Amino acid sequence: MTARRAACCCGQLTATVEGEPVRRSMCHCLECQKRTGSIFGVQARWLRRQVKIEGRSTQYERRGDSGGKIVFYFCPICGSTVYWVAEVAPQTIAIAVGNFADPAFPPPMVSVYESCRHPWATLAEGVQMEHFLPDNN
């Protein structure tokens, strides 16, 4: 079984996962752009039973376009967002793919909120787009 370890920049907050994720996605929504400081976020989701979290975290909570709560967990020392849990999918934990620091990590399966995608950003070959409309922020 595949085991992977994600960590914040300083290494204090970690997530160790067993097995393959149930979903890998890239999100172009404006909130992910603000959260990452990039033009999109890339995340993978695992079932809760596949994830072991270690270290201290601070939380930030917001509402998604669906109205459901999303709780983001980040390192109180370096500020890296490592994982989050969405009320609409409480059985899973999403982890930022960049925190694995693994260029061999499998590519996203889907791209969401492409209506917010920067026009010069290209998608990985074979990635499917899901059509979501952004909220009116």
N, C-alpha and C. Protein backbone atom coordinates (compact mmCIF):
# COMPACT_ATOMS: atom_id res chain seq x y z
N MET A 1 0.85 -1.18 0.00
CA MET A 1 0.00 0.00 0.00
C MET A 1 0.90 1.25 0.00
N THR A 2 0.54 2.22 -0.79
CA THR A 2 1.30 3.46 -0.90
C THR A 2 1.12 4.32 0.34
N ALA A 3 2.21 4.81 0.89
CA ALA A 3 2.18 5.76 2.00
C ALA A 3 2.87 7.03 1.55
N ARG A 4 2.26 8.16 1.86
CA ARG A 4 2.83 9.46 1.52
C ARG A 4 2.76 10.35 2.75
N ARG A 5 3.68 11.33 2.80
CA ARG A 5 3.69 12.27 3.93
C ARG A 5 3.71 13.69 3.40
N ALA A 6 2.77 14.48 3.86
CA ALA A 6 2.70 15.91 3.54
C ALA A 6 3.13 16.68 4.77
N ALA A 7 3.76 17.83 4.57
CA ALA A 7 4.21 18.64 5.70
C ALA A 7 4.13 20.12 5.35
N CYS A 8 4.00 20.93 6.37
CA CYS A 8 4.07 22.38 6.20
C CYS A 8 5.52 22.76 5.91
N CYS A 9 5.78 24.03 5.68
CA CYS A 9 7.15 24.49 5.37
C CYS A 9 8.14 24.18 6.48
N CYS A 10 7.74 24.35 7.73
CA CYS A 10 8.68 24.13 8.83
C CYS A 10 8.69 22.69 9.32
N GLY A 11 7.75 21.86 8.85
CA GLY A 11 7.71 20.45 9.20
C GLY A 11 6.98 20.11 10.49
N GLN A 12 6.42 21.09 11.15
CA GLN A 12 5.76 20.87 12.44
C GLN A 12 4.40 20.18 12.27
N LEU A 13 3.64 20.51 11.21
CA LEU A 13 2.31 19.94 10.96
C LEU A 13 2.41 18.98 9.78
N THR A 14 2.04 17.72 10.01
CA THR A 14 2.15 16.71 8.97
C THR A 14 0.85 15.93 8.80
N ALA A 15 0.70 15.36 7.62
CA ALA A 15 -0.39 14.45 7.32
C ALA A 15 0.22 13.25 6.61
N THR A 16 0.03 12.08 7.17
CA THR A 16 0.51 10.85 6.55
C THR A 16 -0.70 10.11 6.02
N VAL A 17 -0.65 9.70 4.76
CA VAL A 17 -1.79 9.03 4.13
C VAL A 17 -1.39 7.63 3.69
N GLU A 18 -2.34 6.74 3.74
CA GLU A 18 -2.16 5.36 3.28
C GLU A 18 -3.09 5.13 2.10
N GLY A 19 -2.56 4.54 1.06
CA GLY A 19 -3.38 4.23 -0.10
C GLY A 19 -3.53 5.41 -1.04
N GLU A 20 -4.35 5.21 -2.04
CA GLU A 20 -4.54 6.22 -3.07
C GLU A 20 -5.70 7.17 -2.71
N PRO A 21 -5.62 8.41 -3.16
CA PRO A 21 -6.71 9.34 -2.89
C PRO A 21 -7.97 8.95 -3.66
N VAL A 22 -9.12 9.37 -3.13
CA VAL A 22 -10.39 9.12 -3.82
C VAL A 22 -10.66 10.17 -4.89
N ARG A 23 -9.91 11.29 -4.81
CA ARG A 23 -10.09 12.36 -5.80
C ARG A 23 -8.83 13.22 -5.80
N ARG A 24 -8.44 13.66 -7.01
CA ARG A 24 -7.36 14.63 -7.18
C ARG A 24 -7.91 15.73 -8.07
N SER A 25 -7.82 16.97 -7.62
CA SER A 25 -8.41 18.05 -8.41
C SER A 25 -7.59 19.32 -8.34
N MET A 26 -7.79 20.15 -9.34
CA MET A 26 -7.24 21.49 -9.32
C MET A 26 -8.42 22.45 -9.35
N CYS A 27 -8.33 23.49 -8.53
CA CYS A 27 -9.44 24.42 -8.38
C CYS A 27 -8.95 25.82 -8.73
N HIS A 28 -9.71 26.49 -9.59
CA HIS A 28 -9.37 27.84 -10.05
C HIS A 28 -10.21 28.91 -9.36
N CYS A 29 -11.02 28.54 -8.37
CA CYS A 29 -11.90 29.53 -7.74
C CYS A 29 -11.08 30.65 -7.11
N LEU A 30 -11.69 31.79 -6.96
CA LEU A 30 -10.99 32.95 -6.42
C LEU A 30 -10.54 32.73 -4.99
N GLU A 31 -11.30 31.95 -4.21
CA GLU A 31 -10.91 31.67 -2.83
C GLU A 31 -9.64 30.81 -2.78
N CYS A 32 -9.53 29.81 -3.65
CA CYS A 32 -8.30 29.01 -3.69
C CYS A 32 -7.13 29.86 -4.17
N GLN A 33 -7.39 30.77 -5.08
CA GLN A 33 -6.31 31.66 -5.52
C GLN A 33 -5.81 32.50 -4.35
N LYS A 34 -6.73 33.03 -3.56
CA LYS A 34 -6.31 33.83 -2.41
C LYS A 34 -5.63 32.96 -1.35
N ARG A 35 -6.16 31.76 -1.11
CA ARG A 35 -5.59 30.88 -0.09
C ARG A 35 -4.17 30.46 -0.41
N THR A 36 -3.91 30.17 -1.68
CA THR A 36 -2.59 29.67 -2.05
C THR A 36 -1.61 30.76 -2.47
N GLY A 37 -2.13 31.90 -2.87
CA GLY A 37 -1.26 32.93 -3.43
C GLY A 37 -0.82 32.58 -4.84
N SER A 38 -1.46 31.59 -5.43
CA SER A 38 -1.17 31.13 -6.77
C SER A 38 -2.41 31.35 -7.62
N ILE A 39 -2.40 30.85 -8.84
CA ILE A 39 -3.58 31.04 -9.69
C ILE A 39 -4.54 29.85 -9.63
N PHE A 40 -4.20 28.84 -8.85
CA PHE A 40 -5.09 27.71 -8.59
C PHE A 40 -4.57 26.93 -7.41
N GLY A 41 -5.41 26.06 -6.89
CA GLY A 41 -5.00 25.14 -5.83
C GLY A 41 -5.12 23.72 -6.35
N VAL A 42 -4.23 22.84 -5.91
CA VAL A 42 -4.29 21.43 -6.29
C VAL A 42 -4.38 20.63 -5.00
N GLN A 43 -5.36 19.75 -4.94
CA GLN A 43 -5.60 18.98 -3.73
C GLN A 43 -5.97 17.55 -4.05
N ALA A 44 -5.73 16.69 -3.07
CA ALA A 44 -6.13 15.30 -3.16
C ALA A 44 -6.93 14.99 -1.90
N ARG A 45 -7.96 14.17 -2.06
CA ARG A 45 -8.81 13.79 -0.93
C ARG A 45 -8.66 12.30 -0.62
N TRP A 46 -8.58 12.03 0.67
CA TRP A 46 -8.55 10.66 1.16
C TRP A 46 -9.69 10.47 2.14
N LEU A 47 -10.11 9.23 2.33
CA LEU A 47 -11.05 8.92 3.39
C LEU A 47 -10.36 9.19 4.72
N ARG A 48 -11.11 9.66 5.70
CA ARG A 48 -10.53 10.00 7.01
C ARG A 48 -9.70 8.87 7.60
N ARG A 49 -10.16 7.64 7.43
CA ARG A 49 -9.45 6.51 8.04
C ARG A 49 -8.08 6.30 7.41
N GLN A 50 -7.80 6.91 6.26
CA GLN A 50 -6.53 6.77 5.58
C GLN A 50 -5.52 7.85 5.98
N VAL A 51 -5.92 8.79 6.84
CA VAL A 51 -5.10 9.97 7.14
C VAL A 51 -4.75 10.03 8.62
N LYS A 52 -3.48 10.31 8.90
CA LYS A 52 -3.02 10.54 10.27
C LYS A 52 -2.40 11.93 10.31
N ILE A 53 -2.96 12.80 11.15
CA ILE A 53 -2.49 14.17 11.30
C ILE A 53 -1.65 14.26 12.57
N GLU A 54 -0.50 14.93 12.48
CA GLU A 54 0.34 15.15 13.65
C GLU A 54 0.81 16.60 13.66
N GLY A 55 0.89 17.16 14.85
CA GLY A 55 1.35 18.53 15.01
C GLY A 55 0.21 19.46 15.38
N ARG A 56 0.57 20.68 15.68
CA ARG A 56 -0.43 21.69 16.04
C ARG A 56 -0.92 22.41 14.80
N SER A 57 -2.19 22.82 14.84
CA SER A 57 -2.75 23.57 13.72
C SER A 57 -3.64 24.68 14.23
N THR A 58 -3.82 25.65 13.39
CA THR A 58 -4.77 26.73 13.60
C THR A 58 -5.82 26.58 12.52
N GLN A 59 -7.05 27.00 12.81
CA GLN A 59 -8.15 26.82 11.86
C GLN A 59 -8.62 28.14 11.27
N TYR A 60 -9.07 28.05 10.04
CA TYR A 60 -9.77 29.15 9.38
C TYR A 60 -11.01 28.54 8.75
N GLU A 61 -12.15 29.12 9.00
CA GLU A 61 -13.42 28.59 8.51
C GLU A 61 -14.06 29.58 7.56
N ARG A 62 -14.63 29.06 6.47
CA ARG A 62 -15.39 29.89 5.54
C ARG A 62 -16.52 29.07 4.95
N ARG A 63 -17.40 29.72 4.25
CA ARG A 63 -18.51 29.06 3.57
C ARG A 63 -18.17 28.93 2.08
N GLY A 64 -18.46 27.78 1.54
CA GLY A 64 -18.27 27.56 0.11
C GLY A 64 -19.46 28.08 -0.67
N ASP A 65 -19.40 28.00 -1.97
CA ASP A 65 -20.50 28.46 -2.81
C ASP A 65 -21.79 27.70 -2.54
N SER A 66 -21.67 26.45 -2.07
CA SER A 66 -22.85 25.64 -1.76
C SER A 66 -23.49 26.07 -0.44
N GLY A 67 -22.78 26.92 0.32
CA GLY A 67 -23.27 27.32 1.64
C GLY A 67 -22.70 26.48 2.76
N GLY A 68 -22.04 25.39 2.39
CA GLY A 68 -21.45 24.51 3.39
C GLY A 68 -20.15 25.07 3.95
N LYS A 69 -19.85 24.68 5.17
CA LYS A 69 -18.65 25.13 5.86
C LYS A 69 -17.43 24.35 5.39
N ILE A 70 -16.30 25.04 5.27
CA ILE A 70 -15.01 24.43 4.98
C ILE A 70 -14.06 24.91 6.08
N VAL A 71 -13.39 23.97 6.73
CA VAL A 71 -12.44 24.32 7.78
C VAL A 71 -11.04 23.99 7.28
N PHE A 72 -10.20 25.02 7.20
CA PHE A 72 -8.81 24.88 6.76
C PHE A 72 -7.91 24.81 7.97
N TYR A 73 -6.93 23.93 7.93
CA TYR A 73 -5.98 23.75 9.03
C TYR A 73 -4.59 24.13 8.54
N PHE A 74 -3.97 25.08 9.23
CA PHE A 74 -2.66 25.54 8.82
C PHE A 74 -1.72 25.59 10.00
N CYS A 75 -0.44 25.60 9.71
CA CYS A 75 0.58 25.60 10.75
C CYS A 75 0.63 26.96 11.42
N PRO A 76 0.57 27.02 12.76
CA PRO A 76 0.63 28.31 13.46
C PRO A 76 2.03 28.92 13.45
N ILE A 77 3.02 28.16 13.03
CA ILE A 77 4.39 28.68 12.98
C ILE A 77 4.72 29.27 11.61
N CYS A 78 4.57 28.47 10.55
CA CYS A 78 4.96 28.93 9.21
C CYS A 78 3.79 29.39 8.36
N GLY A 79 2.56 29.06 8.75
CA GLY A 79 1.38 29.52 8.03
C GLY A 79 0.93 28.66 6.86
N SER A 80 1.61 27.57 6.57
CA SER A 80 1.23 26.72 5.44
C SER A 80 -0.10 26.02 5.70
N THR A 81 -1.02 26.13 4.75
CA THR A 81 -2.25 25.34 4.81
C THR A 81 -1.90 23.93 4.39
N VAL A 82 -2.20 22.96 5.25
CA VAL A 82 -1.85 21.57 4.95
C VAL A 82 -3.09 20.77 4.55
N TYR A 83 -4.20 20.95 5.26
CA TYR A 83 -5.38 20.14 4.95
C TYR A 83 -6.65 20.90 5.29
N TRP A 84 -7.79 20.35 4.82
CA TRP A 84 -9.08 20.95 5.12
C TRP A 84 -10.17 19.90 5.01
N VAL A 85 -11.30 20.24 5.64
CA VAL A 85 -12.47 19.36 5.66
C VAL A 85 -13.68 20.19 5.25
N ALA A 86 -14.42 19.67 4.29
CA ALA A 86 -15.63 20.36 3.80
C ALA A 86 -16.87 19.68 4.37
N GLU A 87 -17.80 20.48 4.83
CA GLU A 87 -19.05 19.97 5.40
C GLU A 87 -19.79 19.09 4.40
N VAL A 88 -19.66 19.37 3.09
CA VAL A 88 -20.36 18.59 2.08
C VAL A 88 -19.72 17.22 1.86
N ALA A 89 -18.49 17.02 2.36
CA ALA A 89 -17.81 15.73 2.23
C ALA A 89 -17.08 15.40 3.53
N PRO A 90 -17.81 15.25 4.63
CA PRO A 90 -17.17 15.08 5.94
C PRO A 90 -16.39 13.78 6.08
N GLN A 91 -16.60 12.82 5.20
CA GLN A 91 -15.90 11.54 5.28
C GLN A 91 -14.49 11.63 4.70
N THR A 92 -14.15 12.78 4.10
CA THR A 92 -12.83 12.91 3.48
C THR A 92 -12.04 14.08 4.07
N ILE A 93 -10.73 14.00 3.88
CA ILE A 93 -9.82 15.08 4.24
C ILE A 93 -9.07 15.44 2.97
N ALA A 94 -9.08 16.73 2.62
CA ALA A 94 -8.34 17.21 1.46
C ALA A 94 -6.97 17.70 1.92
N ILE A 95 -5.96 17.37 1.16
CA ILE A 95 -4.59 17.78 1.48
C ILE A 95 -4.01 18.48 0.26
N ALA A 96 -3.35 19.61 0.49
CA ALA A 96 -2.72 20.34 -0.60
C ALA A 96 -1.59 19.50 -1.18
N VAL A 97 -1.64 19.24 -2.47
CA VAL A 97 -0.66 18.36 -3.11
C VAL A 97 0.76 18.91 -2.99
N GLY A 98 0.92 20.22 -3.03
CA GLY A 98 2.25 20.80 -2.90
C GLY A 98 2.94 20.45 -1.60
N ASN A 99 2.18 20.17 -0.55
CA ASN A 99 2.76 19.82 0.74
C ASN A 99 3.43 18.44 0.74
N PHE A 100 3.18 17.65 -0.30
CA PHE A 100 3.87 16.37 -0.42
C PHE A 100 5.27 16.56 -0.99
N ALA A 101 5.52 17.70 -1.63
CA ALA A 101 6.84 17.99 -2.22
C ALA A 101 7.33 16.80 -3.05
N ASP A 102 6.44 16.30 -3.92
CA ASP A 102 6.73 15.12 -4.71
C ASP A 102 6.35 15.38 -6.17
N PRO A 103 7.32 15.69 -7.03
CA PRO A 103 7.02 15.94 -8.44
C PRO A 103 6.40 14.74 -9.15
N ALA A 104 6.51 13.55 -8.58
CA ALA A 104 5.93 12.34 -9.18
C ALA A 104 4.49 12.11 -8.74
N PHE A 105 3.92 13.02 -7.91
CA PHE A 105 2.54 12.85 -7.45
C PHE A 105 1.63 12.80 -8.69
N PRO A 106 0.65 11.91 -8.71
CA PRO A 106 -0.23 11.80 -9.88
C PRO A 106 -0.97 13.11 -10.17
N PRO A 107 -1.24 13.39 -11.44
CA PRO A 107 -1.90 14.64 -11.82
C PRO A 107 -3.37 14.67 -11.39
N PRO A 108 -3.97 15.85 -11.43
CA PRO A 108 -5.40 15.96 -11.09
C PRO A 108 -6.26 15.15 -12.06
N MET A 109 -7.41 14.71 -11.54
CA MET A 109 -8.40 14.01 -12.35
C MET A 109 -9.35 15.01 -13.00
N VAL A 110 -9.62 16.10 -12.28
CA VAL A 110 -10.58 17.11 -12.74
C VAL A 110 -10.07 18.51 -12.42
N SER A 111 -10.61 19.46 -13.17
CA SER A 111 -10.35 20.87 -12.94
C SER A 111 -11.71 21.53 -12.69
N VAL A 112 -11.81 22.32 -11.63
CA VAL A 112 -13.08 22.96 -11.30
C VAL A 112 -12.94 24.48 -11.29
N TYR A 113 -14.08 25.15 -11.45
CA TYR A 113 -14.14 26.60 -11.50
C TYR A 113 -13.28 27.17 -12.63
N GLU A 114 -13.32 26.49 -13.78
CA GLU A 114 -12.53 26.96 -14.89
C GLU A 114 -12.97 28.33 -15.39
N SER A 115 -14.16 28.77 -15.01
CA SER A 115 -14.60 30.12 -15.39
C SER A 115 -13.74 31.20 -14.73
N CYS A 116 -13.03 30.84 -13.66
CA CYS A 116 -12.12 31.77 -12.97
C CYS A 116 -10.67 31.54 -13.36
N ARG A 117 -10.43 30.57 -14.24
CA ARG A 117 -9.06 30.23 -14.62
C ARG A 117 -8.41 31.38 -15.38
N HIS A 118 -7.19 31.67 -15.06
CA HIS A 118 -6.44 32.68 -15.80
C HIS A 118 -6.29 32.17 -17.23
N PRO A 119 -6.57 32.99 -18.23
CA PRO A 119 -6.58 32.51 -19.61
C PRO A 119 -5.24 31.96 -20.10
N TRP A 120 -4.15 32.37 -19.49
CA TRP A 120 -2.83 31.89 -19.92
C TRP A 120 -2.41 30.62 -19.19
N ALA A 121 -3.22 30.15 -18.23
CA ALA A 121 -2.91 28.92 -17.51
C ALA A 121 -3.45 27.73 -18.31
N THR A 122 -2.59 26.78 -18.59
CA THR A 122 -3.01 25.61 -19.35
C THR A 122 -3.29 24.45 -18.41
N LEU A 123 -4.14 23.56 -18.85
CA LEU A 123 -4.49 22.38 -18.07
C LEU A 123 -3.57 21.23 -18.43
N ALA A 124 -3.35 20.35 -17.49
CA ALA A 124 -2.61 19.13 -17.76
C ALA A 124 -3.39 18.29 -18.76
N GLU A 125 -2.69 17.62 -19.63
CA GLU A 125 -3.33 16.82 -20.65
C GLU A 125 -4.24 15.76 -20.03
N GLY A 126 -5.45 15.65 -20.54
CA GLY A 126 -6.39 14.63 -20.10
C GLY A 126 -7.21 14.99 -18.87
N VAL A 127 -7.00 16.17 -18.29
CA VAL A 127 -7.76 16.56 -17.10
C VAL A 127 -9.16 17.01 -17.53
N GLN A 128 -10.16 16.42 -16.92
CA GLN A 128 -11.55 16.75 -17.21
C GLN A 128 -11.95 18.03 -16.49
N MET A 129 -12.80 18.84 -17.09
CA MET A 129 -13.30 20.04 -16.43
C MET A 129 -14.70 19.78 -15.90
N GLU A 130 -14.96 20.22 -14.66
CA GLU A 130 -16.29 20.21 -14.09
C GLU A 130 -16.78 21.65 -14.11
N HIS A 131 -18.03 21.85 -14.42
CA HIS A 131 -18.55 23.20 -14.57
C HIS A 131 -19.25 23.69 -13.32
N PHE A 132 -18.58 24.57 -12.59
CA PHE A 132 -19.12 25.24 -11.42
C PHE A 132 -19.12 26.72 -11.70
N LEU A 133 -20.11 27.41 -11.20
CA LEU A 133 -20.14 28.87 -11.34
C LEU A 133 -19.63 29.47 -10.05
N PRO A 134 -18.78 30.51 -10.13
CA PRO A 134 -18.30 31.16 -8.91
C PRO A 134 -19.42 31.91 -8.23
N ASP A 135 -19.25 32.15 -6.93
CA ASP A 135 -20.23 32.99 -6.24
C ASP A 135 -20.00 34.43 -6.66
N ASN A 136 -20.79 35.31 -6.17
CA ASN A 136 -20.73 36.71 -6.58
C ASN A 136 -19.88 37.54 -5.64
N ASN A 137 -18.66 37.12 -5.37
CA ASN A 137 -17.76 37.89 -4.48
C ASN A 137 -17.31 39.14 -5.14
